[in-house]
Amino acid sequence: MTKSCCFTGHRPNKLHGYNPVTEGNSKMLWKLRELIIDQIENNHVDTFITGMALGIDMWAGRIVLKLKEKYPSIKLIAAVPCLNHSGKWNQASKNEWQHIIDKCDKVHYVSNEAYTAWCMQKRNEWMVDNADYVIAVWDGTKGGTGNCVNYARKKNKSITSLHPMSLEVV
């Protein structure tokens, strides 16, 4: 039986910047990696869902792709909110997005339209609805990640929350 886990988390401006290897981001991502391994080994999760946004979504996707070397049966699904999702990003971010998309086991477009005001929330709802577990990298503030966590609570999902600064897990 397939068990799945989705990710929600902040964009780089609410983390330690856009570079994943800064000291703060690196420590946070190693902790996120531990949480993903825990899902695989203890909750028997074999499918992970990333929303493909800059920051936690794409970094979590990269971690799952790397972990496929150790756990070849795990799968990564990209939940893309809209057709032109990465359209306004810089070229390096677009290239990174495409690299992850190309390596995903499945790509699901939540909306077949260009960007709309509601597509990110609909993407989050789709991810939560299709996941047994949620890993949130969240500092407790309002915004898209907070909305996703609240939706997951409403749906009685099991949520593991990692604070991006203190690295406290709850």
N, C-alpha and C. Protein backbone atom coordinates (compact mmCIF):
# COMPACT_ATOMS: atom_id res chain seq x y z
N MET A 1 0.83 -1.18 0.00
CA MET A 1 0.00 0.00 0.00
C MET A 1 0.89 1.26 0.00
N THR A 2 0.60 2.16 -0.88
CA THR A 2 1.37 3.39 -1.01
C THR A 2 1.04 4.35 0.12
N LYS A 3 2.08 4.93 0.70
CA LYS A 3 1.93 5.99 1.68
C LYS A 3 2.68 7.20 1.15
N SER A 4 2.07 8.37 1.33
CA SER A 4 2.66 9.56 0.74
C SER A 4 2.83 10.68 1.75
N CYS A 5 3.74 11.58 1.41
CA CYS A 5 4.06 12.72 2.25
C CYS A 5 4.28 13.92 1.33
N CYS A 6 3.68 15.05 1.69
CA CYS A 6 3.92 16.27 0.92
C CYS A 6 4.70 17.27 1.76
N PHE A 7 5.28 18.22 1.06
CA PHE A 7 6.07 19.26 1.70
C PHE A 7 5.38 20.61 1.57
N THR A 8 5.51 21.42 2.59
CA THR A 8 5.13 22.83 2.51
C THR A 8 6.19 23.60 3.27
N GLY A 9 6.49 24.78 2.81
CA GLY A 9 7.53 25.55 3.48
C GLY A 9 7.74 26.90 2.84
N HIS A 10 8.57 27.65 3.49
CA HIS A 10 8.79 29.04 3.10
C HIS A 10 9.63 29.17 1.84
N ARG A 11 9.49 30.34 1.24
CA ARG A 11 10.34 30.76 0.13
C ARG A 11 11.67 31.22 0.73
N PRO A 12 12.69 31.34 -0.09
CA PRO A 12 14.03 31.70 0.42
C PRO A 12 14.09 33.01 1.20
N ASN A 13 13.24 33.97 0.88
CA ASN A 13 13.29 35.25 1.60
C ASN A 13 12.90 35.12 3.07
N LYS A 14 12.21 34.04 3.46
CA LYS A 14 11.86 33.81 4.87
C LYS A 14 12.76 32.75 5.50
N LEU A 15 13.78 32.33 4.75
CA LEU A 15 14.73 31.34 5.25
C LEU A 15 16.08 32.04 5.43
N HIS A 16 17.13 31.37 5.02
CA HIS A 16 18.48 31.93 5.12
C HIS A 16 18.96 32.36 3.75
N GLY A 17 18.05 32.85 2.90
CA GLY A 17 18.42 33.32 1.57
C GLY A 17 18.21 32.27 0.49
N TYR A 18 18.64 32.62 -0.71
CA TYR A 18 18.38 31.80 -1.90
C TYR A 18 19.40 30.69 -2.12
N ASN A 19 20.51 30.74 -1.42
CA ASN A 19 21.56 29.74 -1.60
C ASN A 19 21.35 28.60 -0.61
N PRO A 20 21.12 27.38 -1.11
CA PRO A 20 20.85 26.27 -0.18
C PRO A 20 22.06 25.85 0.65
N VAL A 21 23.25 26.29 0.28
CA VAL A 21 24.43 25.84 1.02
C VAL A 21 24.96 26.88 2.01
N THR A 22 24.22 27.97 2.24
CA THR A 22 24.61 28.85 3.33
C THR A 22 24.54 28.05 4.62
N GLU A 23 25.25 28.48 5.64
CA GLU A 23 25.29 27.70 6.88
C GLU A 23 23.90 27.43 7.44
N GLY A 24 23.06 28.47 7.51
CA GLY A 24 21.71 28.28 8.07
C GLY A 24 20.86 27.36 7.23
N ASN A 25 20.86 27.55 5.91
CA ASN A 25 20.08 26.67 5.04
C ASN A 25 20.62 25.26 5.06
N SER A 26 21.93 25.10 5.07
CA SER A 26 22.52 23.77 5.05
C SER A 26 22.10 22.96 6.29
N LYS A 27 22.18 23.57 7.46
CA LYS A 27 21.77 22.88 8.70
C LYS A 27 20.28 22.50 8.64
N MET A 28 19.48 23.43 8.15
CA MET A 28 18.04 23.20 8.06
C MET A 28 17.76 22.05 7.08
N LEU A 29 18.46 22.03 5.94
CA LEU A 29 18.20 21.00 4.94
C LEU A 29 18.71 19.63 5.38
N TRP A 30 19.78 19.57 6.17
CA TRP A 30 20.20 18.29 6.73
C TRP A 30 19.15 17.76 7.70
N LYS A 31 18.55 18.67 8.47
CA LYS A 31 17.47 18.27 9.38
C LYS A 31 16.25 17.80 8.59
N LEU A 32 15.92 18.51 7.50
CA LEU A 32 14.82 18.10 6.63
C LEU A 32 15.10 16.72 6.06
N ARG A 33 16.32 16.47 5.65
CA ARG A 33 16.71 15.15 5.12
C ARG A 33 16.44 14.06 6.17
N GLU A 34 16.80 14.33 7.43
CA GLU A 34 16.54 13.36 8.51
C GLU A 34 15.05 13.08 8.63
N LEU A 35 14.22 14.13 8.52
CA LEU A 35 12.77 13.94 8.62
C LEU A 35 12.23 13.11 7.46
N ILE A 36 12.78 13.31 6.28
CA ILE A 36 12.36 12.53 5.12
C ILE A 36 12.75 11.06 5.30
N ILE A 37 13.96 10.82 5.75
CA ILE A 37 14.40 9.44 6.01
C ILE A 37 13.52 8.79 7.07
N ASP A 38 13.15 9.55 8.10
CA ASP A 38 12.26 9.02 9.13
C ASP A 38 10.92 8.61 8.52
N GLN A 39 10.39 9.41 7.60
CA GLN A 39 9.13 9.05 6.93
C GLN A 39 9.29 7.74 6.15
N ILE A 40 10.41 7.59 5.47
CA ILE A 40 10.65 6.37 4.68
C ILE A 40 10.78 5.15 5.59
N GLU A 41 11.62 5.26 6.59
CA GLU A 41 11.97 4.10 7.42
C GLU A 41 10.93 3.77 8.48
N ASN A 42 10.27 4.77 9.03
CA ASN A 42 9.35 4.50 10.15
C ASN A 42 7.87 4.57 9.76
N ASN A 43 7.54 5.37 8.77
CA ASN A 43 6.13 5.46 8.34
C ASN A 43 5.90 4.77 7.00
N HIS A 44 6.96 4.19 6.44
CA HIS A 44 6.88 3.44 5.18
C HIS A 44 6.36 4.28 4.02
N VAL A 45 6.71 5.57 4.04
CA VAL A 45 6.34 6.46 2.94
C VAL A 45 7.19 6.10 1.72
N ASP A 46 6.51 5.96 0.58
CA ASP A 46 7.24 5.66 -0.65
C ASP A 46 7.00 6.71 -1.74
N THR A 47 6.14 7.68 -1.46
CA THR A 47 5.84 8.72 -2.45
C THR A 47 5.86 10.08 -1.77
N PHE A 48 6.60 11.00 -2.37
CA PHE A 48 6.71 12.36 -1.86
C PHE A 48 6.16 13.32 -2.90
N ILE A 49 5.52 14.38 -2.41
CA ILE A 49 4.90 15.37 -3.29
C ILE A 49 5.50 16.73 -2.99
N THR A 50 6.03 17.38 -4.02
CA THR A 50 6.58 18.72 -3.89
C THR A 50 5.76 19.69 -4.72
N GLY A 51 5.55 20.89 -4.18
CA GLY A 51 4.80 21.92 -4.88
C GLY A 51 5.62 22.74 -5.84
N MET A 52 6.91 22.49 -5.92
CA MET A 52 7.82 23.07 -6.92
C MET A 52 8.02 24.58 -6.80
N ALA A 53 7.73 25.17 -5.65
CA ALA A 53 8.01 26.59 -5.44
C ALA A 53 9.47 26.75 -5.06
N LEU A 54 9.98 27.96 -5.24
CA LEU A 54 11.34 28.27 -4.80
C LEU A 54 11.45 28.05 -3.30
N GLY A 55 12.59 27.59 -2.86
CA GLY A 55 12.82 27.37 -1.43
C GLY A 55 12.58 25.93 -1.05
N ILE A 56 11.84 25.72 0.02
CA ILE A 56 11.67 24.39 0.60
C ILE A 56 11.15 23.37 -0.41
N ASP A 57 10.16 23.74 -1.22
CA ASP A 57 9.58 22.77 -2.16
C ASP A 57 10.65 22.18 -3.07
N MET A 58 11.42 23.03 -3.72
CA MET A 58 12.42 22.53 -4.67
C MET A 58 13.58 21.87 -3.94
N TRP A 59 13.98 22.42 -2.79
CA TRP A 59 15.08 21.81 -2.04
C TRP A 59 14.68 20.43 -1.52
N ALA A 60 13.44 20.28 -1.05
CA ALA A 60 12.95 18.97 -0.60
C ALA A 60 12.93 18.00 -1.78
N GLY A 61 12.49 18.48 -2.93
CA GLY A 61 12.50 17.64 -4.13
C GLY A 61 13.89 17.14 -4.45
N ARG A 62 14.88 18.02 -4.35
CA ARG A 62 16.27 17.61 -4.61
C ARG A 62 16.74 16.56 -3.60
N ILE A 63 16.35 16.73 -2.34
CA ILE A 63 16.73 15.75 -1.32
C ILE A 63 16.13 14.39 -1.65
N VAL A 64 14.85 14.35 -2.00
CA VAL A 64 14.20 13.08 -2.35
C VAL A 64 14.89 12.45 -3.56
N LEU A 65 15.20 13.23 -4.56
CA LEU A 65 15.88 12.68 -5.74
C LEU A 65 17.22 12.08 -5.36
N LYS A 66 17.97 12.72 -4.47
CA LYS A 66 19.25 12.18 -4.01
C LYS A 66 19.04 10.91 -3.19
N LEU A 67 17.99 10.89 -2.37
CA LEU A 67 17.73 9.71 -1.53
C LEU A 67 17.29 8.50 -2.36
N LYS A 68 16.88 8.71 -3.61
CA LYS A 68 16.54 7.58 -4.48
C LYS A 68 17.74 6.66 -4.69
N GLU A 69 18.95 7.19 -4.51
CA GLU A 69 20.15 6.34 -4.62
C GLU A 69 20.16 5.29 -3.52
N LYS A 70 19.74 5.67 -2.32
CA LYS A 70 19.70 4.75 -1.17
C LYS A 70 18.37 3.99 -1.10
N TYR A 71 17.29 4.64 -1.52
CA TYR A 71 15.94 4.07 -1.47
C TYR A 71 15.35 4.11 -2.88
N PRO A 72 15.75 3.18 -3.75
CA PRO A 72 15.34 3.28 -5.17
C PRO A 72 13.84 3.14 -5.41
N SER A 73 13.08 2.67 -4.45
CA SER A 73 11.64 2.50 -4.66
C SER A 73 10.83 3.76 -4.38
N ILE A 74 11.45 4.79 -3.79
CA ILE A 74 10.67 5.99 -3.51
C ILE A 74 10.40 6.77 -4.80
N LYS A 75 9.31 7.53 -4.77
CA LYS A 75 8.89 8.29 -5.94
C LYS A 75 8.71 9.76 -5.57
N LEU A 76 8.87 10.61 -6.57
CA LEU A 76 8.65 12.04 -6.38
C LEU A 76 7.62 12.51 -7.39
N ILE A 77 6.58 13.17 -6.86
CA ILE A 77 5.54 13.77 -7.68
C ILE A 77 5.65 15.29 -7.57
N ALA A 78 5.62 15.95 -8.71
CA ALA A 78 5.59 17.41 -8.73
C ALA A 78 4.14 17.85 -8.87
N ALA A 79 3.68 18.67 -7.95
CA ALA A 79 2.35 19.27 -8.03
C ALA A 79 2.55 20.71 -8.49
N VAL A 80 2.36 20.93 -9.78
CA VAL A 80 2.63 22.25 -10.37
C VAL A 80 1.32 23.05 -10.34
N PRO A 81 1.35 24.25 -9.76
CA PRO A 81 0.10 24.99 -9.57
C PRO A 81 -0.54 25.52 -10.85
N CYS A 82 0.27 25.85 -11.87
CA CYS A 82 -0.28 26.45 -13.08
C CYS A 82 0.72 26.27 -14.23
N LEU A 83 0.28 26.56 -15.43
CA LEU A 83 1.10 26.31 -16.62
C LEU A 83 2.39 27.11 -16.66
N ASN A 84 2.37 28.36 -16.28
CA ASN A 84 3.57 29.19 -16.37
C ASN A 84 4.20 29.42 -15.00
N HIS A 85 4.21 28.41 -14.18
CA HIS A 85 4.62 28.51 -12.79
C HIS A 85 5.96 29.21 -12.61
N SER A 86 6.97 28.83 -13.36
CA SER A 86 8.31 29.40 -13.17
C SER A 86 8.59 30.54 -14.15
N GLY A 87 7.58 31.03 -14.83
CA GLY A 87 7.75 32.00 -15.90
C GLY A 87 8.46 33.29 -15.54
N LYS A 88 8.28 33.79 -14.34
CA LYS A 88 8.87 35.07 -13.96
C LYS A 88 10.18 34.92 -13.19
N TRP A 89 10.66 33.70 -13.05
CA TRP A 89 11.88 33.45 -12.29
C TRP A 89 13.11 33.76 -13.12
N ASN A 90 14.27 33.90 -12.43
CA ASN A 90 15.52 34.06 -13.16
C ASN A 90 15.89 32.74 -13.84
N GLN A 91 16.80 32.80 -14.78
CA GLN A 91 17.12 31.62 -15.59
C GLN A 91 17.68 30.46 -14.76
N ALA A 92 18.51 30.76 -13.78
CA ALA A 92 19.07 29.69 -12.95
C ALA A 92 17.96 28.94 -12.21
N SER A 93 16.99 29.67 -11.67
CA SER A 93 15.86 29.03 -10.97
C SER A 93 14.99 28.24 -11.93
N LYS A 94 14.77 28.77 -13.13
CA LYS A 94 14.01 28.04 -14.15
C LYS A 94 14.72 26.74 -14.51
N ASN A 95 16.04 26.80 -14.66
CA ASN A 95 16.81 25.59 -14.99
C ASN A 95 16.71 24.55 -13.89
N GLU A 96 16.81 25.00 -12.65
CA GLU A 96 16.69 24.09 -11.50
C GLU A 96 15.29 23.46 -11.47
N TRP A 97 14.26 24.27 -11.68
CA TRP A 97 12.88 23.78 -11.72
C TRP A 97 12.75 22.69 -12.79
N GLN A 98 13.27 22.95 -13.98
CA GLN A 98 13.15 21.99 -15.09
C GLN A 98 13.93 20.72 -14.78
N HIS A 99 15.09 20.85 -14.15
CA HIS A 99 15.89 19.68 -13.78
C HIS A 99 15.09 18.75 -12.86
N ILE A 100 14.43 19.33 -11.87
CA ILE A 100 13.64 18.52 -10.94
C ILE A 100 12.44 17.91 -11.66
N ILE A 101 11.73 18.72 -12.45
CA ILE A 101 10.57 18.21 -13.21
C ILE A 101 10.97 17.02 -14.07
N ASP A 102 12.11 17.13 -14.74
CA ASP A 102 12.57 16.06 -15.63
C ASP A 102 12.85 14.75 -14.89
N LYS A 103 13.17 14.83 -13.60
CA LYS A 103 13.51 13.64 -12.82
C LYS A 103 12.34 13.11 -11.99
N CYS A 104 11.22 13.84 -11.98
CA CYS A 104 10.05 13.39 -11.21
C CYS A 104 9.44 12.14 -11.84
N ASP A 105 8.84 11.32 -11.00
CA ASP A 105 8.15 10.14 -11.48
C ASP A 105 6.80 10.49 -12.09
N LYS A 106 6.24 11.62 -11.64
CA LYS A 106 4.96 12.08 -12.17
C LYS A 106 4.89 13.59 -11.99
N VAL A 107 4.27 14.26 -12.94
CA VAL A 107 4.02 15.69 -12.84
C VAL A 107 2.52 15.91 -12.96
N HIS A 108 1.95 16.55 -11.95
CA HIS A 108 0.51 16.82 -11.94
C HIS A 108 0.30 18.33 -11.99
N TYR A 109 -0.37 18.81 -13.03
CA TYR A 109 -0.72 20.23 -13.13
C TYR A 109 -2.08 20.43 -12.47
N VAL A 110 -2.09 21.20 -11.38
CA VAL A 110 -3.33 21.44 -10.64
C VAL A 110 -4.28 22.31 -11.46
N SER A 111 -3.73 23.27 -12.21
CA SER A 111 -4.52 24.12 -13.08
C SER A 111 -3.91 24.10 -14.47
N ASN A 112 -4.74 24.06 -15.47
CA ASN A 112 -4.26 24.13 -16.86
C ASN A 112 -4.30 25.55 -17.38
N GLU A 113 -4.42 26.50 -16.47
CA GLU A 113 -4.44 27.91 -16.82
C GLU A 113 -3.10 28.54 -16.48
N ALA A 114 -2.91 29.78 -16.96
CA ALA A 114 -1.76 30.57 -16.51
C ALA A 114 -2.00 30.92 -15.04
N TYR A 115 -1.04 31.58 -14.44
CA TYR A 115 -1.12 31.93 -13.02
C TYR A 115 -2.45 32.63 -12.69
N THR A 116 -3.04 32.20 -11.60
CA THR A 116 -4.23 32.85 -11.06
C THR A 116 -4.01 33.07 -9.57
N ALA A 117 -4.81 33.91 -8.97
CA ALA A 117 -4.65 34.21 -7.55
C ALA A 117 -4.88 32.98 -6.67
N TRP A 118 -5.64 32.04 -7.14
CA TRP A 118 -6.01 30.90 -6.30
C TRP A 118 -5.18 29.64 -6.55
N CYS A 119 -4.34 29.63 -7.56
CA CYS A 119 -3.70 28.37 -7.96
C CYS A 119 -2.74 27.81 -6.91
N MET A 120 -2.06 28.66 -6.17
CA MET A 120 -1.13 28.15 -5.14
C MET A 120 -1.89 27.45 -4.02
N GLN A 121 -3.00 28.03 -3.57
CA GLN A 121 -3.80 27.40 -2.52
C GLN A 121 -4.40 26.10 -3.02
N LYS A 122 -4.88 26.07 -4.26
CA LYS A 122 -5.44 24.84 -4.82
C LYS A 122 -4.36 23.76 -4.92
N ARG A 123 -3.14 24.17 -5.29
CA ARG A 123 -2.02 23.22 -5.32
C ARG A 123 -1.78 22.65 -3.93
N ASN A 124 -1.76 23.51 -2.92
CA ASN A 124 -1.54 23.04 -1.55
C ASN A 124 -2.63 22.07 -1.12
N GLU A 125 -3.88 22.40 -1.44
CA GLU A 125 -4.98 21.51 -1.08
C GLU A 125 -4.86 20.17 -1.79
N TRP A 126 -4.47 20.19 -3.07
CA TRP A 126 -4.29 18.93 -3.80
C TRP A 126 -3.21 18.08 -3.15
N MET A 127 -2.10 18.71 -2.78
CA MET A 127 -1.01 17.97 -2.14
C MET A 127 -1.47 17.33 -0.84
N VAL A 128 -2.12 18.12 0.01
CA VAL A 128 -2.58 17.61 1.31
C VAL A 128 -3.61 16.50 1.11
N ASP A 129 -4.54 16.72 0.18
CA ASP A 129 -5.57 15.71 -0.08
C ASP A 129 -4.98 14.38 -0.57
N ASN A 130 -3.81 14.44 -1.18
CA ASN A 130 -3.18 13.25 -1.74
C ASN A 130 -2.02 12.74 -0.90
N ALA A 131 -1.91 13.21 0.34
CA ALA A 131 -0.82 12.80 1.22
C ALA A 131 -1.37 12.24 2.53
N ASP A 132 -0.62 11.29 3.07
CA ASP A 132 -0.93 10.78 4.40
C ASP A 132 -0.25 11.62 5.48
N TYR A 133 0.91 12.18 5.12
CA TYR A 133 1.74 12.95 6.05
C TYR A 133 2.13 14.27 5.40
N VAL A 134 2.43 15.24 6.26
CA VAL A 134 2.88 16.55 5.80
C VAL A 134 4.14 16.91 6.57
N ILE A 135 5.17 17.34 5.85
CA ILE A 135 6.34 17.94 6.47
C ILE A 135 6.29 19.42 6.15
N ALA A 136 6.24 20.24 7.20
CA ALA A 136 6.19 21.70 7.04
C ALA A 136 7.46 22.31 7.59
N VAL A 137 8.13 23.12 6.79
CA VAL A 137 9.24 23.93 7.27
C VAL A 137 8.65 25.32 7.43
N TRP A 138 8.31 25.65 8.68
CA TRP A 138 7.43 26.77 8.95
C TRP A 138 7.79 27.45 10.26
N ASP A 139 7.79 28.77 10.24
CA ASP A 139 8.13 29.54 11.44
C ASP A 139 6.90 29.99 12.23
N GLY A 140 5.72 29.52 11.83
CA GLY A 140 4.50 29.86 12.55
C GLY A 140 3.80 31.11 12.06
N THR A 141 4.35 31.79 11.06
CA THR A 141 3.76 33.03 10.57
C THR A 141 2.63 32.75 9.59
N LYS A 142 1.83 33.79 9.35
CA LYS A 142 0.74 33.69 8.37
C LYS A 142 1.32 33.71 6.96
N GLY A 143 0.55 33.19 6.03
CA GLY A 143 0.97 33.15 4.63
C GLY A 143 0.60 31.81 4.02
N GLY A 144 1.17 31.52 2.87
CA GLY A 144 0.85 30.30 2.15
C GLY A 144 1.17 29.04 2.92
N THR A 145 2.34 29.00 3.57
CA THR A 145 2.71 27.81 4.35
C THR A 145 1.76 27.65 5.53
N GLY A 146 1.46 28.74 6.22
CA GLY A 146 0.51 28.68 7.33
C GLY A 146 -0.87 28.21 6.87
N ASN A 147 -1.31 28.71 5.71
CA ASN A 147 -2.60 28.26 5.16
C ASN A 147 -2.58 26.77 4.87
N CYS A 148 -1.47 26.28 4.33
CA CYS A 148 -1.36 24.85 4.01
C CYS A 148 -1.39 24.02 5.29
N VAL A 149 -0.66 24.45 6.31
CA VAL A 149 -0.66 23.72 7.59
C VAL A 149 -2.06 23.71 8.19
N ASN A 150 -2.75 24.85 8.15
CA ASN A 150 -4.12 24.91 8.69
C ASN A 150 -5.06 23.98 7.92
N TYR A 151 -4.90 23.93 6.60
CA TYR A 151 -5.73 23.02 5.79
C TYR A 151 -5.43 21.56 6.17
N ALA A 152 -4.14 21.24 6.36
CA ALA A 152 -3.76 19.88 6.73
C ALA A 152 -4.33 19.52 8.11
N ARG A 153 -4.34 20.47 9.02
CA ARG A 153 -4.95 20.23 10.34
C ARG A 153 -6.44 19.93 10.20
N LYS A 154 -7.10 20.75 9.36
CA LYS A 154 -8.54 20.57 9.13
C LYS A 154 -8.83 19.19 8.55
N LYS A 155 -7.90 18.67 7.76
CA LYS A 155 -8.05 17.35 7.14
C LYS A 155 -7.48 16.23 8.01
N ASN A 156 -7.09 16.58 9.23
CA ASN A 156 -6.56 15.60 10.21
C ASN A 156 -5.35 14.83 9.69
N LYS A 157 -4.47 15.53 9.01
CA LYS A 157 -3.24 14.90 8.53
C LYS A 157 -2.18 14.93 9.62
N SER A 158 -1.30 13.97 9.58
CA SER A 158 -0.16 13.94 10.49
C SER A 158 0.88 14.94 10.00
N ILE A 159 1.19 15.95 10.82
CA ILE A 159 2.08 17.03 10.41
C ILE A 159 3.33 17.02 11.27
N THR A 160 4.47 17.04 10.60
CA THR A 160 5.75 17.24 11.27
C THR A 160 6.21 18.63 10.87
N SER A 161 6.46 19.48 11.85
CA SER A 161 6.83 20.87 11.57
C SER A 161 8.26 21.12 12.03
N LEU A 162 9.07 21.65 11.12
CA LEU A 162 10.46 22.02 11.40
C LEU A 162 10.55 23.54 11.36
N HIS A 163 10.97 24.14 12.47
CA HIS A 163 11.17 25.59 12.48
C HIS A 163 12.48 25.89 11.76
N PRO A 164 12.45 26.74 10.73
CA PRO A 164 13.64 26.95 9.90
C PRO A 164 14.80 27.65 10.60
N MET A 165 14.55 28.32 11.70
CA MET A 165 15.62 29.04 12.38
C MET A 165 16.13 28.26 13.60
N SER A 166 15.22 27.83 14.46
CA SER A 166 15.63 27.12 15.68
C SER A 166 15.91 25.64 15.42
N LEU A 167 15.40 25.12 14.31
CA LEU A 167 15.49 23.69 13.92
C LEU A 167 14.73 22.78 14.88
N GLU A 168 13.83 23.39 15.68
CA GLU A 168 12.98 22.61 16.57
C GLU A 168 11.94 21.85 15.73
N VAL A 169 11.72 20.60 16.08
CA VAL A 169 10.75 19.76 15.37
C VAL A 169 9.58 19.50 16.30
N VAL A 170 8.37 19.76 15.78
CA VAL A 170 7.15 19.47 16.56
C VAL A 170 6.16 18.73 15.70
